[in-house]
Amino acid sequence: MAATLEHTQSPNVLYPIHSTSQSHPQLQLTAPADMTDNINSEEYVTLSFKLMDWSHMDFKRKLPTSTSIITIKDIIKHHHGSISSIVICKHSFEEKNELHNANATLKFYGIRGSPDIGNAPCVVLYYNFKAVESQIDPILMC
């Protein structure tokens, strides 16, 4: 069954308007124009990660503003290794600036970017963490 959908009074609701077969339905969905405009409008930002008290571990990454905080914490873990209790702040390392909601995105926290990844604005994120304590006996490491 080939069917097309169109929206009527409600711009976000799609209704079937035509079908040609009853055996195996296949729907062709068309989204309203205002929904498709946002698909290619991803914004990018260059994040400058600044580790508190040790500038030798600072690094940068270009990411979309739709990136979640949990993903950013994973990037930091990958950069450092066995760490835990990651705290991320924007503007300055203060409790009021902490990005604590792991599922929230950069855009949710007011970080705006540019659709042109080459001209992505730079935003500084300050972070700190605790090293995971090893259960290995130091004598065995010799």
N, C-alpha and C. Protein backbone atom coordinates (compact mmCIF):
# COMPACT_ATOMS: atom_id res chain seq x y z
N MET A 1 0.85 -1.16 0.00
CA MET A 1 0.00 0.00 0.00
C MET A 1 0.90 1.23 0.00
N ALA A 2 0.75 2.05 -0.94
CA ALA A 2 1.48 3.32 -0.97
C ALA A 2 0.54 4.41 -0.49
N ALA A 3 0.99 5.16 0.46
CA ALA A 3 0.15 6.23 1.00
C ALA A 3 0.99 7.47 1.18
N THR A 4 0.37 8.59 1.06
CA THR A 4 1.04 9.83 1.38
C THR A 4 0.29 10.46 2.54
N LEU A 5 1.01 11.23 3.30
CA LEU A 5 0.41 11.87 4.46
C LEU A 5 0.49 13.37 4.29
N GLU A 6 -0.50 14.04 4.81
CA GLU A 6 -0.44 15.49 4.80
C GLU A 6 -0.95 16.01 6.13
N HIS A 7 -0.56 17.21 6.47
CA HIS A 7 -1.05 17.78 7.71
C HIS A 7 -2.21 18.72 7.40
N THR A 8 -3.12 18.76 8.35
CA THR A 8 -4.30 19.61 8.16
C THR A 8 -4.21 20.77 9.13
N GLN A 9 -5.19 20.92 10.02
CA GLN A 9 -5.19 22.05 10.93
C GLN A 9 -3.97 22.08 11.84
N SER A 10 -3.58 20.96 12.38
CA SER A 10 -2.44 20.89 13.28
C SER A 10 -1.17 20.63 12.45
N PRO A 11 -0.18 21.53 12.47
CA PRO A 11 0.98 21.39 11.59
C PRO A 11 1.90 20.22 11.94
N ASN A 12 1.77 19.62 13.13
CA ASN A 12 2.66 18.53 13.52
C ASN A 12 1.97 17.17 13.51
N VAL A 13 0.75 17.09 12.96
CA VAL A 13 0.03 15.82 12.88
C VAL A 13 -0.11 15.44 11.42
N LEU A 14 0.24 14.20 11.08
CA LEU A 14 0.17 13.73 9.71
C LEU A 14 -0.98 12.72 9.58
N TYR A 15 -1.75 12.82 8.48
CA TYR A 15 -2.88 11.94 8.25
C TYR A 15 -2.74 11.28 6.88
N PRO A 16 -3.08 9.99 6.75
CA PRO A 16 -3.04 9.36 5.42
C PRO A 16 -4.15 9.94 4.53
N ILE A 17 -3.80 10.20 3.27
CA ILE A 17 -4.80 10.75 2.36
C ILE A 17 -5.03 9.86 1.14
N HIS A 18 -4.17 8.85 0.93
CA HIS A 18 -4.30 8.04 -0.27
C HIS A 18 -3.69 6.68 -0.02
N SER A 19 -4.36 5.61 -0.44
CA SER A 19 -3.74 4.29 -0.37
C SER A 19 -4.12 3.51 -1.61
N THR A 20 -3.22 2.60 -2.05
CA THR A 20 -3.45 1.86 -3.29
C THR A 20 -3.49 0.36 -3.07
N SER A 21 -3.07 -0.14 -1.92
CA SER A 21 -3.07 -1.58 -1.67
C SER A 21 -3.40 -1.83 -0.22
N GLN A 22 -4.03 -2.95 0.08
CA GLN A 22 -4.44 -3.24 1.44
C GLN A 22 -3.56 -4.30 2.10
N SER A 23 -2.68 -5.00 1.36
CA SER A 23 -1.97 -6.13 1.93
C SER A 23 -0.81 -5.75 2.84
N HIS A 24 0.19 -5.03 2.37
CA HIS A 24 1.35 -4.65 3.18
C HIS A 24 1.50 -3.13 3.15
N PRO A 25 1.06 -2.47 4.21
CA PRO A 25 1.11 -1.01 4.19
C PRO A 25 2.54 -0.47 4.25
N GLN A 26 2.81 0.49 3.43
CA GLN A 26 4.05 1.25 3.44
C GLN A 26 3.66 2.71 3.37
N LEU A 27 4.14 3.49 4.29
CA LEU A 27 3.76 4.88 4.34
C LEU A 27 4.93 5.76 3.93
N GLN A 28 4.66 6.76 3.14
CA GLN A 28 5.65 7.78 2.84
C GLN A 28 5.28 8.99 3.69
N LEU A 29 6.16 9.33 4.62
CA LEU A 29 5.86 10.43 5.51
C LEU A 29 6.50 11.71 4.99
N THR A 30 5.78 12.77 5.05
CA THR A 30 6.33 14.07 4.72
C THR A 30 6.15 14.97 5.92
N ALA A 31 7.21 15.57 6.34
CA ALA A 31 7.16 16.44 7.52
C ALA A 31 6.81 17.86 7.09
N PRO A 32 6.17 18.60 7.97
CA PRO A 32 5.89 20.01 7.67
C PRO A 32 7.19 20.77 7.43
N ALA A 33 7.11 21.81 6.63
CA ALA A 33 8.31 22.57 6.25
C ALA A 33 9.05 23.12 7.45
N ASP A 34 8.33 23.57 8.48
CA ASP A 34 9.02 24.14 9.64
C ASP A 34 9.83 23.10 10.41
N MET A 35 9.50 21.82 10.27
CA MET A 35 10.28 20.76 10.92
C MET A 35 11.54 20.45 10.14
N THR A 36 11.49 20.49 8.81
CA THR A 36 12.65 20.14 8.00
C THR A 36 13.67 21.26 7.95
N ASP A 37 13.27 22.48 8.26
CA ASP A 37 14.22 23.59 8.26
C ASP A 37 15.30 23.41 9.31
N ASN A 38 14.98 22.74 10.43
CA ASN A 38 15.92 22.60 11.53
C ASN A 38 16.88 21.43 11.37
N ILE A 39 16.68 20.56 10.40
CA ILE A 39 17.51 19.38 10.24
C ILE A 39 18.95 19.76 9.92
N ASN A 40 19.17 20.69 9.02
CA ASN A 40 20.51 21.06 8.59
C ASN A 40 21.03 22.31 9.29
N SER A 41 20.40 22.73 10.37
CA SER A 41 20.82 23.96 11.02
C SER A 41 21.62 23.67 12.29
N GLU A 42 22.40 22.61 12.28
CA GLU A 42 23.25 22.27 13.43
C GLU A 42 24.29 23.36 13.63
N GLU A 43 24.51 23.73 14.88
CA GLU A 43 25.53 24.72 15.22
C GLU A 43 26.71 24.01 15.85
N TYR A 44 27.91 24.53 15.59
CA TYR A 44 29.14 23.94 16.11
C TYR A 44 29.88 24.94 16.98
N VAL A 45 30.62 24.41 17.93
CA VAL A 45 31.39 25.23 18.86
C VAL A 45 32.74 24.54 19.09
N THR A 46 33.77 25.33 19.29
CA THR A 46 35.07 24.80 19.69
C THR A 46 35.16 24.90 21.20
N LEU A 47 35.22 23.75 21.84
CA LEU A 47 35.32 23.73 23.30
C LEU A 47 36.78 23.67 23.69
N SER A 48 37.18 24.60 24.51
CA SER A 48 38.53 24.62 25.07
C SER A 48 38.42 24.11 26.50
N PHE A 49 38.91 22.89 26.72
CA PHE A 49 38.82 22.25 28.03
C PHE A 49 40.03 22.65 28.87
N LYS A 50 39.78 23.25 30.01
CA LYS A 50 40.84 23.72 30.91
C LYS A 50 40.74 22.94 32.22
N LEU A 51 41.77 22.12 32.48
CA LEU A 51 41.83 21.38 33.73
C LEU A 51 42.28 22.30 34.84
N MET A 52 41.58 22.28 35.94
CA MET A 52 41.93 23.13 37.08
C MET A 52 43.30 22.72 37.62
N ASP A 53 44.14 23.68 37.87
CA ASP A 53 45.44 23.50 38.52
C ASP A 53 46.48 22.74 37.71
N TRP A 54 46.24 22.46 36.42
CA TRP A 54 47.26 21.77 35.64
C TRP A 54 47.04 22.03 34.16
N SER A 55 47.61 23.09 33.64
CA SER A 55 47.35 23.53 32.27
C SER A 55 47.96 22.62 31.20
N HIS A 56 48.86 21.72 31.58
CA HIS A 56 49.48 20.83 30.59
C HIS A 56 48.49 19.82 30.00
N MET A 57 47.35 19.66 30.64
CA MET A 57 46.35 18.70 30.15
C MET A 57 45.19 19.38 29.42
N ASP A 58 45.28 20.66 29.14
CA ASP A 58 44.23 21.37 28.41
C ASP A 58 44.16 20.84 26.97
N PHE A 59 42.96 20.84 26.40
CA PHE A 59 42.78 20.39 25.02
C PHE A 59 41.54 21.03 24.43
N LYS A 60 41.37 20.89 23.10
CA LYS A 60 40.22 21.48 22.39
C LYS A 60 39.55 20.42 21.54
N ARG A 61 38.22 20.59 21.35
CA ARG A 61 37.43 19.74 20.46
C ARG A 61 36.34 20.58 19.82
N LYS A 62 36.05 20.31 18.54
CA LYS A 62 34.91 20.94 17.86
C LYS A 62 33.75 19.97 17.94
N LEU A 63 32.63 20.47 18.47
CA LEU A 63 31.46 19.63 18.68
C LEU A 63 30.19 20.40 18.34
N PRO A 64 29.12 19.68 18.00
CA PRO A 64 27.83 20.36 17.82
C PRO A 64 27.26 20.78 19.16
N THR A 65 26.46 21.82 19.16
CA THR A 65 25.85 22.30 20.40
C THR A 65 24.78 21.34 20.91
N SER A 66 24.44 20.34 20.14
CA SER A 66 23.48 19.32 20.58
C SER A 66 24.17 18.21 21.38
N THR A 67 25.47 18.34 21.62
CA THR A 67 26.22 17.35 22.39
C THR A 67 25.79 17.40 23.86
N SER A 68 25.55 16.23 24.44
CA SER A 68 25.13 16.17 25.84
C SER A 68 26.33 16.27 26.77
N ILE A 69 26.06 16.61 28.00
CA ILE A 69 27.10 16.73 29.02
C ILE A 69 27.73 15.36 29.30
N ILE A 70 26.95 14.30 29.27
CA ILE A 70 27.49 12.96 29.50
C ILE A 70 28.50 12.60 28.40
N THR A 71 28.24 13.03 27.18
CA THR A 71 29.19 12.79 26.08
C THR A 71 30.47 13.58 26.31
N ILE A 72 30.35 14.79 26.79
CA ILE A 72 31.53 15.61 27.09
C ILE A 72 32.35 14.96 28.21
N LYS A 73 31.67 14.41 29.22
CA LYS A 73 32.38 13.71 30.29
C LYS A 73 33.10 12.48 29.74
N ASP A 74 32.49 11.79 28.78
CA ASP A 74 33.14 10.64 28.15
C ASP A 74 34.39 11.07 27.38
N ILE A 75 34.34 12.22 26.72
CA ILE A 75 35.50 12.75 26.01
C ILE A 75 36.63 13.03 26.99
N ILE A 76 36.30 13.62 28.12
CA ILE A 76 37.31 13.91 29.14
C ILE A 76 37.89 12.61 29.70
N LYS A 77 37.04 11.62 29.96
CA LYS A 77 37.52 10.31 30.44
C LYS A 77 38.47 9.68 29.44
N HIS A 78 38.11 9.75 28.17
CA HIS A 78 38.97 9.18 27.12
C HIS A 78 40.32 9.91 27.06
N HIS A 79 40.30 11.20 27.31
CA HIS A 79 41.53 12.00 27.27
C HIS A 79 42.46 11.69 28.45
N HIS A 80 41.90 11.37 29.61
CA HIS A 80 42.70 11.20 30.83
C HIS A 80 42.87 9.76 31.28
N GLY A 81 41.95 8.88 30.97
CA GLY A 81 42.06 7.51 31.47
C GLY A 81 41.12 7.27 32.64
N SER A 82 41.60 6.55 33.64
CA SER A 82 40.77 6.13 34.78
C SER A 82 40.51 7.29 35.73
N ILE A 83 39.37 7.94 35.53
CA ILE A 83 38.99 9.07 36.38
C ILE A 83 37.52 8.93 36.75
N SER A 84 37.11 9.67 37.76
CA SER A 84 35.70 9.68 38.18
C SER A 84 35.36 11.05 38.73
N SER A 85 34.12 11.23 39.09
CA SER A 85 33.63 12.47 39.71
C SER A 85 34.03 13.71 38.92
N ILE A 86 33.72 13.71 37.63
CA ILE A 86 34.06 14.84 36.76
C ILE A 86 33.09 15.99 37.03
N VAL A 87 33.64 17.17 37.21
CA VAL A 87 32.84 18.39 37.39
C VAL A 87 33.21 19.33 36.25
N ILE A 88 32.19 19.83 35.53
CA ILE A 88 32.40 20.73 34.40
C ILE A 88 31.67 22.04 34.68
N CYS A 89 32.35 23.15 34.44
CA CYS A 89 31.75 24.48 34.62
C CYS A 89 32.04 25.35 33.41
N LYS A 90 31.13 26.27 33.12
CA LYS A 90 31.41 27.26 32.06
C LYS A 90 31.68 28.61 32.71
N HIS A 91 32.44 29.43 32.06
CA HIS A 91 32.85 30.77 32.49
C HIS A 91 33.91 30.76 33.58
N SER A 92 33.66 30.07 34.69
CA SER A 92 34.63 29.97 35.78
C SER A 92 34.29 28.73 36.60
N PHE A 93 35.27 28.23 37.32
CA PHE A 93 35.06 27.01 38.11
C PHE A 93 34.42 27.36 39.45
N GLU A 94 33.10 27.52 39.40
CA GLU A 94 32.30 27.83 40.59
C GLU A 94 31.06 26.95 40.56
N GLU A 95 30.54 26.66 41.73
CA GLU A 95 29.38 25.78 41.82
C GLU A 95 28.19 26.31 41.02
N LYS A 96 27.98 27.61 41.01
CA LYS A 96 26.85 28.19 40.28
C LYS A 96 26.97 28.02 38.76
N ASN A 97 28.16 27.76 38.25
CA ASN A 97 28.40 27.59 36.81
C ASN A 97 28.52 26.13 36.39
N GLU A 98 28.25 25.20 37.33
CA GLU A 98 28.41 23.77 37.03
C GLU A 98 27.36 23.28 36.04
N LEU A 99 27.80 22.50 35.07
CA LEU A 99 26.91 21.86 34.11
C LEU A 99 26.61 20.47 34.67
N HIS A 100 25.63 20.38 35.54
CA HIS A 100 25.40 19.18 36.32
C HIS A 100 24.40 18.20 35.71
N ASN A 101 23.54 18.64 34.83
CA ASN A 101 22.54 17.75 34.22
C ASN A 101 23.19 16.96 33.09
N ALA A 102 23.44 15.68 33.31
CA ALA A 102 24.18 14.85 32.36
C ALA A 102 23.46 14.70 31.02
N ASN A 103 22.15 14.77 31.01
CA ASN A 103 21.38 14.60 29.77
C ASN A 103 21.15 15.89 29.01
N ALA A 104 21.45 17.02 29.63
CA ALA A 104 21.27 18.32 28.97
C ALA A 104 22.35 18.52 27.91
N THR A 105 22.07 19.40 26.97
CA THR A 105 23.02 19.69 25.89
C THR A 105 23.72 21.02 26.14
N LEU A 106 24.74 21.26 25.33
CA LEU A 106 25.42 22.56 25.41
C LEU A 106 24.44 23.69 25.12
N LYS A 107 23.57 23.48 24.15
CA LYS A 107 22.58 24.50 23.79
C LYS A 107 21.65 24.79 24.97
N PHE A 108 21.27 23.76 25.72
CA PHE A 108 20.43 23.92 26.89
C PHE A 108 21.08 24.87 27.90
N TYR A 109 22.40 24.79 28.03
CA TYR A 109 23.14 25.64 28.96
C TYR A 109 23.52 26.99 28.35
N GLY A 110 22.94 27.34 27.22
CA GLY A 110 23.14 28.67 26.64
C GLY A 110 24.38 28.81 25.79
N ILE A 111 25.01 27.71 25.44
CA ILE A 111 26.20 27.77 24.59
C ILE A 111 25.75 27.73 23.14
N ARG A 112 26.01 28.80 22.43
CA ARG A 112 25.60 28.92 21.02
C ARG A 112 26.81 28.79 20.12
N GLY A 113 26.60 28.27 18.93
CA GLY A 113 27.68 28.06 17.99
C GLY A 113 27.42 28.73 16.66
N SER A 114 28.05 28.17 15.64
CA SER A 114 27.92 28.67 14.28
C SER A 114 27.60 27.49 13.36
N PRO A 115 26.76 27.71 12.33
CA PRO A 115 26.50 26.62 11.39
C PRO A 115 27.75 26.26 10.57
N ASP A 116 28.70 27.18 10.50
CA ASP A 116 29.95 26.94 9.78
C ASP A 116 30.99 26.38 10.76
N ILE A 117 31.30 25.10 10.63
CA ILE A 117 32.23 24.46 11.57
C ILE A 117 33.61 25.11 11.54
N GLY A 118 33.99 25.68 10.41
CA GLY A 118 35.27 26.36 10.30
C GLY A 118 35.34 27.65 11.11
N ASN A 119 34.20 28.26 11.36
CA ASN A 119 34.13 29.50 12.15
C ASN A 119 33.44 29.29 13.49
N ALA A 120 33.55 28.09 14.03
CA ALA A 120 32.90 27.79 15.30
C ALA A 120 33.51 28.63 16.41
N PRO A 121 32.69 29.32 17.19
CA PRO A 121 33.22 30.14 18.29
C PRO A 121 33.85 29.25 19.37
N CYS A 122 34.79 29.83 20.08
CA CYS A 122 35.49 29.10 21.14
C CYS A 122 34.83 29.39 22.48
N VAL A 123 34.53 28.35 23.22
CA VAL A 123 33.95 28.45 24.55
C VAL A 123 34.84 27.67 25.51
N VAL A 124 35.17 28.28 26.63
CA VAL A 124 36.03 27.64 27.62
C VAL A 124 35.18 26.89 28.63
N LEU A 125 35.50 25.61 28.83
CA LEU A 125 34.89 24.82 29.89
C LEU A 125 35.99 24.42 30.87
N TYR A 126 35.77 24.71 32.14
CA TYR A 126 36.71 24.34 33.19
C TYR A 126 36.25 23.01 33.79
N TYR A 127 37.20 22.15 34.10
CA TYR A 127 36.81 20.87 34.66
C TYR A 127 37.83 20.38 35.68
N ASN A 128 37.37 19.45 36.50
CA ASN A 128 38.22 18.79 37.47
C ASN A 128 37.67 17.39 37.68
N PHE A 129 38.46 16.51 38.26
CA PHE A 129 38.05 15.13 38.47
C PHE A 129 38.87 14.52 39.59
N LYS A 130 38.49 13.31 39.94
CA LYS A 130 39.26 12.52 40.90
C LYS A 130 39.82 11.32 40.15
N ALA A 131 41.06 11.01 40.44
CA ALA A 131 41.66 9.81 39.85
C ALA A 131 41.07 8.58 40.53
N VAL A 132 40.83 7.55 39.75
CA VAL A 132 40.32 6.30 40.31
C VAL A 132 41.45 5.65 41.10
N GLU A 133 41.15 5.28 42.34
CA GLU A 133 42.16 4.66 43.17
C GLU A 133 42.41 3.24 42.69
N SER A 134 43.66 2.91 42.56
CA SER A 134 44.05 1.60 42.08
C SER A 134 44.03 0.59 43.21
N GLN A 135 43.59 -0.62 42.89
CA GLN A 135 43.60 -1.71 43.86
C GLN A 135 44.88 -2.55 43.75
N ILE A 136 45.81 -2.13 42.91
CA ILE A 136 47.04 -2.88 42.67
C ILE A 136 48.06 -2.53 43.74
N ASP A 137 48.71 -3.55 44.24
CA ASP A 137 49.77 -3.35 45.23
C ASP A 137 50.96 -2.69 44.56
N PRO A 138 51.45 -1.56 45.08
CA PRO A 138 52.57 -0.85 44.44
C PRO A 138 53.82 -1.71 44.26
N ILE A 139 54.03 -2.69 45.13
CA ILE A 139 55.19 -3.56 45.01
C ILE A 139 55.10 -4.42 43.75
N LEU A 140 53.88 -4.82 43.38
CA LEU A 140 53.70 -5.63 42.17
C LEU A 140 53.97 -4.83 40.90
N MET A 141 53.92 -3.53 40.97
CA MET A 141 54.14 -2.69 39.80
C MET A 141 55.62 -2.52 39.47
N CYS A 142 56.51 -2.93 40.37
CA CYS A 142 57.95 -2.77 40.16
C CYS A 142 58.49 -3.74 39.15
